[in-house]
Each structure stands twice: as structure tokens, then as C-alpha cells.
Amino acid sequence: MSCEHLICAACAGPVVEGRCPVCRAGRAKVHHHGFLGLPPMIIALTVILALALLALKHVGG
């Protein structure tokens, strides 16, 4: 989902501009930036890949 076309109910401005605290909170909620600015899905996939590689190393050696 994108906040390009969302209008803030508090200030009637585009949410993407972040004119007021309500806009900024709405924009942050839509974009879900996690650790180091990475999306949570990328972080989860990295952790799963690391665990899989660790498990393969443990089984093989």
C-alpha cells in the first residue's frame, strides 16, 4: 500500500507530505520501516536464511 493518495483527516493535506503529527504517524504506519530502515520481511528472510545455513553446517560437520 502507498500513502501517495491518502488525505489526512487532521490537516486535510496529503499524508505523503507529513505536514502534521497525524500525517507523519500515518505515513510511518503504512511504510513499516524496521531495523536499519529495512522492511521487516527482509529482516525475517535474512534470519531464516542464516538459521538454515547454520543447520546445514551443523548436520554436515
PDB file of N, CA and C in Angstrom:
ATOM      1  N   MET A   1       0.850  -1.185   0.000  1.00  0.00           N
ATOM      2  CA  MET A   1       0.000   0.000   0.000  1.00  0.00           C
ATOM      3  C   MET A   1       0.888   1.238   0.000  1.00  0.00           C
ATOM      4  N   SER A   2       0.420   2.275  -0.622  1.00  0.00           N
ATOM      5  CA  SER A   2       1.152   3.525  -0.704  1.00  0.00           C
ATOM      6  C   SER A   2       0.337   4.646  -0.069  1.00  0.00           C
ATOM      7  N   CYS A   3       1.025   5.649   0.448  1.00  0.00           N
ATOM      8  CA  CYS A   3       0.311   6.778   1.053  1.00  0.00           C
ATOM      9  C   CYS A   3       0.224   7.965   0.094  1.00  0.00           C
ATOM     10  N   GLU A   4       0.541   7.756  -1.188  1.00  0.00           N
ATOM     11  CA  GLU A   4       0.517   8.844  -2.156  1.00  0.00           C
ATOM     12  C   GLU A   4      -0.835   9.521  -2.268  1.00  0.00           C
ATOM     13  N   HIS A   5      -1.916   8.747  -2.221  1.00  0.00           N
ATOM     14  CA  HIS A   5      -3.250   9.303  -2.455  1.00  0.00           C
ATOM     15  C   HIS A   5      -4.067   9.450  -1.185  1.00  0.00           C
ATOM     16  N   LEU A   6      -3.460   9.216  -0.022  1.00  0.00           N
ATOM     17  CA  LEU A   6      -4.191   9.355   1.233  1.00  0.00           C
ATOM     18  C   LEU A   6      -4.217  10.813   1.672  1.00  0.00           C
ATOM     19  N   ILE A   7      -5.365  11.238   2.194  1.00  0.00           N
ATOM     20  CA  ILE A   7      -5.534  12.605   2.693  1.00  0.00           C
ATOM     21  C   ILE A   7      -5.718  12.534   4.204  1.00  0.00           C
ATOM     22  N   CYS A   8      -4.997  13.382   4.920  1.00  0.00           N
ATOM     23  CA  CYS A   8      -5.043  13.408   6.384  1.00  0.00           C
ATOM     24  C   CYS A   8      -6.364  14.014   6.863  1.00  0.00           C
ATOM     25  N   ALA A   9      -6.992  13.362   7.818  1.00  0.00           N
ATOM     26  CA  ALA A   9      -8.245  13.873   8.378  1.00  0.00           C
ATOM     27  C   ALA A   9      -8.005  15.056   9.310  1.00  0.00           C
ATOM     28  N   ALA A  10      -6.789  15.189   9.829  1.00  0.00           N
ATOM     29  CA  ALA A  10      -6.495  16.272  10.772  1.00  0.00           C
ATOM     30  C   ALA A  10      -6.185  17.597  10.078  1.00  0.00           C
ATOM     31  N   CYS A  11      -5.366  17.543   8.998  1.00  0.00           N
ATOM     32  CA  CYS A  11      -4.954  18.800   8.360  1.00  0.00           C
ATOM     33  C   CYS A  11      -5.412  18.919   6.914  1.00  0.00           C
ATOM     34  N   ALA A  12      -6.048  17.885   6.378  1.00  0.00           N
ATOM     35  CA  ALA A  12      -6.559  17.848   5.003  1.00  0.00           C
ATOM     36  C   ALA A  12      -5.460  17.936   3.949  1.00  0.00           C
ATOM     37  N   GLY A  13      -4.226  17.646   4.348  1.00  0.00           N
ATOM     38  CA  GLY A  13      -3.118  17.630   3.391  1.00  0.00           C
ATOM     39  C   GLY A  13      -2.774  16.203   3.004  1.00  0.00           C
ATOM     40  N   PRO A  14      -1.984  16.046   1.945  1.00  0.00           N
ATOM     41  CA  PRO A  14      -1.550  14.704   1.554  1.00  0.00           C
ATOM     42  C   PRO A  14      -0.674  14.078   2.638  1.00  0.00           C
ATOM     43  N   VAL A  15      -0.948  12.832   3.000  1.00  0.00           N
ATOM     44  CA  VAL A  15      -0.202  12.147   4.051  1.00  0.00           C
ATOM     45  C   VAL A  15       1.271  12.034   3.676  1.00  0.00           C
ATOM     46  N   VAL A  16       1.560  11.877   2.396  1.00  0.00           N
ATOM     47  CA  VAL A  16       2.936  11.709   1.945  1.00  0.00           C
ATOM     48  C   VAL A  16       3.804  12.923   2.292  1.00  0.00           C
ATOM     49  N   GLU A  17       3.214  14.098   2.420  1.00  0.00           N
ATOM     50  CA  GLU A  17       3.967  15.301   2.767  1.00  0.00           C
ATOM     51  C   GLU A  17       4.290  15.383   4.254  1.00  0.00           C
ATOM     52  N   GLY A  18       3.507  14.726   5.107  1.00  0.00           N
ATOM     53  CA  GLY A  18       3.775  14.720   6.543  1.00  0.00           C
ATOM     54  C   GLY A  18       3.700  16.093   7.187  1.00  0.00           C
ATOM     55  N   ARG A  19       2.653  16.836   6.906  1.00  0.00           N
ATOM     56  CA  ARG A  19       2.527  18.211   7.414  1.00  0.00           C
ATOM     57  C   ARG A  19       2.292  18.288   8.924  1.00  0.00           C
ATOM     58  N   CYS A  20       1.608  17.302   9.476  1.00  0.00           N
ATOM     59  CA  CYS A  20       1.280  17.335  10.904  1.00  0.00           C
ATOM     60  C   CYS A  20       1.671  15.999  11.547  1.00  0.00           C
ATOM     61  N   PRO A  21       1.635  15.915  12.892  1.00  0.00           N
ATOM     62  CA  PRO A  21       1.998  14.661  13.567  1.00  0.00           C
ATOM     63  C   PRO A  21       1.122  13.474  13.150  1.00  0.00           C
ATOM     64  N   VAL A  22      -0.144  13.744  12.833  1.00  0.00           N
ATOM     65  CA  VAL A  22      -1.047  12.667  12.407  1.00  0.00           C
ATOM     66  C   VAL A  22      -0.597  12.126  11.047  1.00  0.00           C
ATOM     67  N   CYS A  23      -0.213  13.009  10.136  1.00  0.00           N
ATOM     68  CA  CYS A  23       0.294  12.588   8.822  1.00  0.00           C
ATOM     69  C   CYS A  23       1.549  11.747   8.978  1.00  0.00           C
ATOM     70  N   ARG A  24       2.477  12.232   9.785  1.00  0.00           N
ATOM     71  CA  ARG A  24       3.742  11.523   9.958  1.00  0.00           C
ATOM     72  C   ARG A  24       3.521  10.144  10.568  1.00  0.00           C
ATOM     73  N   ALA A  25       2.614  10.034  11.531  1.00  0.00           N
ATOM     74  CA  ALA A  25       2.317   8.730  12.133  1.00  0.00           C
ATOM     75  C   ALA A  25       1.665   7.798  11.111  1.00  0.00           C
ATOM     76  N   GLY A  26       0.758   8.319  10.316  1.00  0.00           N
ATOM     77  CA  GLY A  26       0.106   7.517   9.284  1.00  0.00           C
ATOM     78  C   GLY A  26       1.081   7.040   8.230  1.00  0.00           C
ATOM     79  N   ARG A  27       1.988   7.927   7.834  1.00  0.00           N
ATOM     80  CA  ARG A  27       2.998   7.558   6.840  1.00  0.00           C
ATOM     81  C   ARG A  27       3.921   6.473   7.395  1.00  0.00           C
ATOM     82  N   ALA A  28       4.321   6.592   8.652  1.00  0.00           N
ATOM     83  CA  ALA A  28       5.191   5.585   9.270  1.00  0.00           C
ATOM     84  C   ALA A  28       4.471   4.241   9.389  1.00  0.00           C
ATOM     85  N   LYS A  29       3.177   4.282   9.679  1.00  0.00           N
ATOM     86  CA  LYS A  29       2.407   3.041   9.815  1.00  0.00           C
ATOM     87  C   LYS A  29       2.274   2.323   8.475  1.00  0.00           C
ATOM     88  N   VAL A  30       2.108   3.070   7.405  1.00  0.00           N
ATOM     89  CA  VAL A  30       1.947   2.475   6.079  1.00  0.00           C
ATOM     90  C   VAL A  30       3.259   1.872   5.582  1.00  0.00           C
ATOM     91  N   HIS A  31       4.372   2.523   5.861  1.00  0.00           N
ATOM     92  CA  HIS A  31       5.640   2.090   5.284  1.00  0.00           C
ATOM     93  C   HIS A  31       6.411   1.085   6.139  1.00  0.00           C
ATOM     94  N   HIS A  32       6.083   0.900   7.390  1.00  0.00           N
ATOM     95  CA  HIS A  32       6.658  -0.152   8.250  1.00  0.00           C
ATOM     96  C   HIS A  32       8.161  -0.320   8.123  1.00  0.00           C
ATOM     97  N   HIS A  33       8.923   0.676   8.396  1.00  0.00           N
ATOM     98  CA  HIS A  33      10.370   0.517   8.332  1.00  0.00           C
ATOM     99  C   HIS A  33      10.863  -0.091   9.631  1.00  0.00           C
ATOM    100  N   GLY A  34      11.623  -1.153   9.516  1.00  0.00           N
ATOM    101  CA  GLY A  34      12.125  -1.875  10.680  1.00  0.00           C
ATOM    102  C   GLY A  34      13.559  -1.505  11.003  1.00  0.00           C
ATOM    103  N   PHE A  35      14.321  -2.455  11.476  1.00  0.00           N
ATOM    104  CA  PHE A  35      15.697  -2.291  11.895  1.00  0.00           C
ATOM    105  C   PHE A  35      16.560  -1.783  10.731  1.00  0.00           C
ATOM    106  N   LEU A  36      17.334  -0.736  10.947  1.00  0.00           N
ATOM    107  CA  LEU A  36      18.214  -0.124   9.945  1.00  0.00           C
ATOM    108  C   LEU A  36      17.472   0.346   8.699  1.00  0.00           C
ATOM    109  N   GLY A  37      16.195   0.637   8.828  1.00  0.00           N
ATOM    110  CA  GLY A  37      15.420   1.111   7.694  1.00  0.00           C
ATOM    111  C   GLY A  37      14.996   0.020   6.731  1.00  0.00           C
ATOM    112  N   LEU A  38      15.268  -1.237   7.080  1.00  0.00           N
ATOM    113  CA  LEU A  38      14.891  -2.353   6.215  1.00  0.00           C
ATOM    114  C   LEU A  38      13.483  -2.822   6.534  1.00  0.00           C
ATOM    115  N   PRO A  39      12.757  -3.263   5.542  1.00  0.00           N
ATOM    116  CA  PRO A  39      11.420  -3.800   5.798  1.00  0.00           C
ATOM    117  C   PRO A  39      11.511  -5.073   6.651  1.00  0.00           C
ATOM    118  N   PRO A  40      10.553  -5.290   7.532  1.00  0.00           N
ATOM    119  CA  PRO A  40      10.565  -6.468   8.403  1.00  0.00           C
ATOM    120  C   PRO A  40      10.649  -7.792   7.640  1.00  0.00           C
ATOM    121  N   MET A  41      10.074  -7.876   6.452  1.00  0.00           N
ATOM    122  CA  MET A  41      10.112  -9.118   5.685  1.00  0.00           C
ATOM    123  C   MET A  41      11.549  -9.468   5.284  1.00  0.00           C
ATOM    124  N   ILE A  42      12.338  -8.484   4.896  1.00  0.00           N
ATOM    125  CA  ILE A  42      13.737  -8.715   4.525  1.00  0.00           C
ATOM    126  C   ILE A  42      14.529  -9.189   5.742  1.00  0.00           C
ATOM    127  N   ILE A  43      14.283  -8.587   6.884  1.00  0.00           N
ATOM    128  CA  ILE A  43      14.971  -8.990   8.109  1.00  0.00           C
ATOM    129  C   ILE A  43      14.613 -10.428   8.456  1.00  0.00           C
ATOM    130  N   ALA A  44      13.335 -10.771   8.374  1.00  0.00           N
ATOM    131  CA  ALA A  44      12.897 -12.132   8.686  1.00  0.00           C
ATOM    132  C   ALA A  44      13.521 -13.144   7.728  1.00  0.00           C
ATOM    133  N   LEU A  45      13.554 -12.834   6.448  1.00  0.00           N
ATOM    134  CA  LEU A  45      14.154 -13.741   5.466  1.00  0.00           C
ATOM    135  C   LEU A  45      15.649 -13.922   5.713  1.00  0.00           C
ATOM    136  N   THR A  46      16.329 -12.867   6.116  1.00  0.00           N
ATOM    137  CA  THR A  46      17.756 -12.960   6.421  1.00  0.00           C
ATOM    138  C   THR A  46      17.999 -13.861   7.623  1.00  0.00           C
ATOM    139  N   VAL A  47      17.179 -13.720   8.654  1.00  0.00           N
ATOM    140  CA  VAL A  47      17.312 -14.564   9.844  1.00  0.00           C
ATOM    141  C   VAL A  47      17.031 -16.022   9.493  1.00  0.00           C
ATOM    142  N   ILE A  48      16.005 -16.280   8.716  1.00  0.00           N
ATOM    143  CA  ILE A  48      15.669 -17.654   8.316  1.00  0.00           C
ATOM    144  C   ILE A  48      16.801 -18.259   7.485  1.00  0.00           C
ATOM    145  N   LEU A  49      17.361 -17.490   6.571  1.00  0.00           N
ATOM    146  CA  LEU A  49      18.468 -17.977   5.755  1.00  0.00           C
ATOM    147  C   LEU A  49      19.687 -18.292   6.621  1.00  0.00           C
ATOM    148  N   ALA A  50      19.989 -17.428   7.571  1.00  0.00           N
ATOM    149  CA  ALA A  50      21.122 -17.659   8.464  1.00  0.00           C
ATOM    150  C   ALA A  50      20.907 -18.928   9.293  1.00  0.00           C
ATOM    151  N   LEU A  51      19.697 -19.129   9.798  1.00  0.00           N
ATOM    152  CA  LEU A  51      19.396 -20.340  10.573  1.00  0.00           C
ATOM    153  C   LEU A  51      19.496 -21.590   9.711  1.00  0.00           C
ATOM    154  N   ALA A  52      19.041 -21.507   8.471  1.00  0.00           N
ATOM    155  CA  ALA A  52      19.121 -22.655   7.565  1.00  0.00           C
ATOM    156  C   ALA A  52      20.579 -23.002   7.267  1.00  0.00           C
ATOM    157  N   LEU A  53      21.403 -22.000   7.022  1.00  0.00           N
ATOM    158  CA  LEU A  53      22.825 -22.252   6.775  1.00  0.00           C
ATOM    159  C   LEU A  53      23.508 -22.831   8.003  1.00  0.00           C
ATOM    160  N   LEU A  54      23.161 -22.356   9.173  1.00  0.00           N
ATOM    161  CA  LEU A  54      23.709 -22.884  10.421  1.00  0.00           C
ATOM    162  C   LEU A  54      23.299 -24.340  10.619  1.00  0.00           C
ATOM    163  N   ALA A  55      22.065 -24.652  10.320  1.00  0.00           N
ATOM    164  CA  ALA A  55      21.578 -26.025  10.454  1.00  0.00           C
ATOM    165  C   ALA A  55      22.290 -26.946   9.458  1.00  0.00           C
ATOM    166  N   LEU A  56      22.502 -26.484   8.238  1.00  0.00           N
ATOM    167  CA  LEU A  56      23.220 -27.300   7.241  1.00  0.00           C
ATOM    168  C   LEU A  56      24.669 -27.529   7.667  1.00  0.00           C
ATOM    169  N   LYS A  57      25.290 -26.529   8.245  1.00  0.00           N
ATOM    170  CA  LYS A  57      26.662 -26.661   8.713  1.00  0.00           C
ATOM    171  C   LYS A  57      26.731 -27.664   9.867  1.00  0.00           C
ATOM    172  N   HIS A  58      25.750 -27.606  10.746  1.00  0.00           N
ATOM    173  CA  HIS A  58      25.711 -28.488  11.912  1.00  0.00           C
ATOM    174  C   HIS A  58      25.481 -29.947  11.485  1.00  0.00           C
ATOM    175  N   VAL A  59      24.614 -30.162  10.518  1.00  0.00           N
ATOM    176  CA  VAL A  59      24.317 -31.513  10.033  1.00  0.00           C
ATOM    177  C   VAL A  59      25.520 -32.083   9.277  1.00  0.00           C
ATOM    178  N   GLY A  60      26.190 -31.269   8.523  1.00  0.00           N
ATOM    179  CA  GLY A  60      27.303 -31.743   7.703  1.00  0.00           C
ATOM    180  C   GLY A  60      28.608 -31.937   8.458  1.00  0.00           C
ATOM    181  N   GLY A  61      28.760 -31.326   9.591  1.00  0.00           N
ATOM    182  CA  GLY A  61      30.073 -31.429  10.175  1.00  0.00           C
ATOM    183  C   GLY A  61      30.159 -31.754  11.582  1.00  0.00           C
TER     184      GLY A  61
END
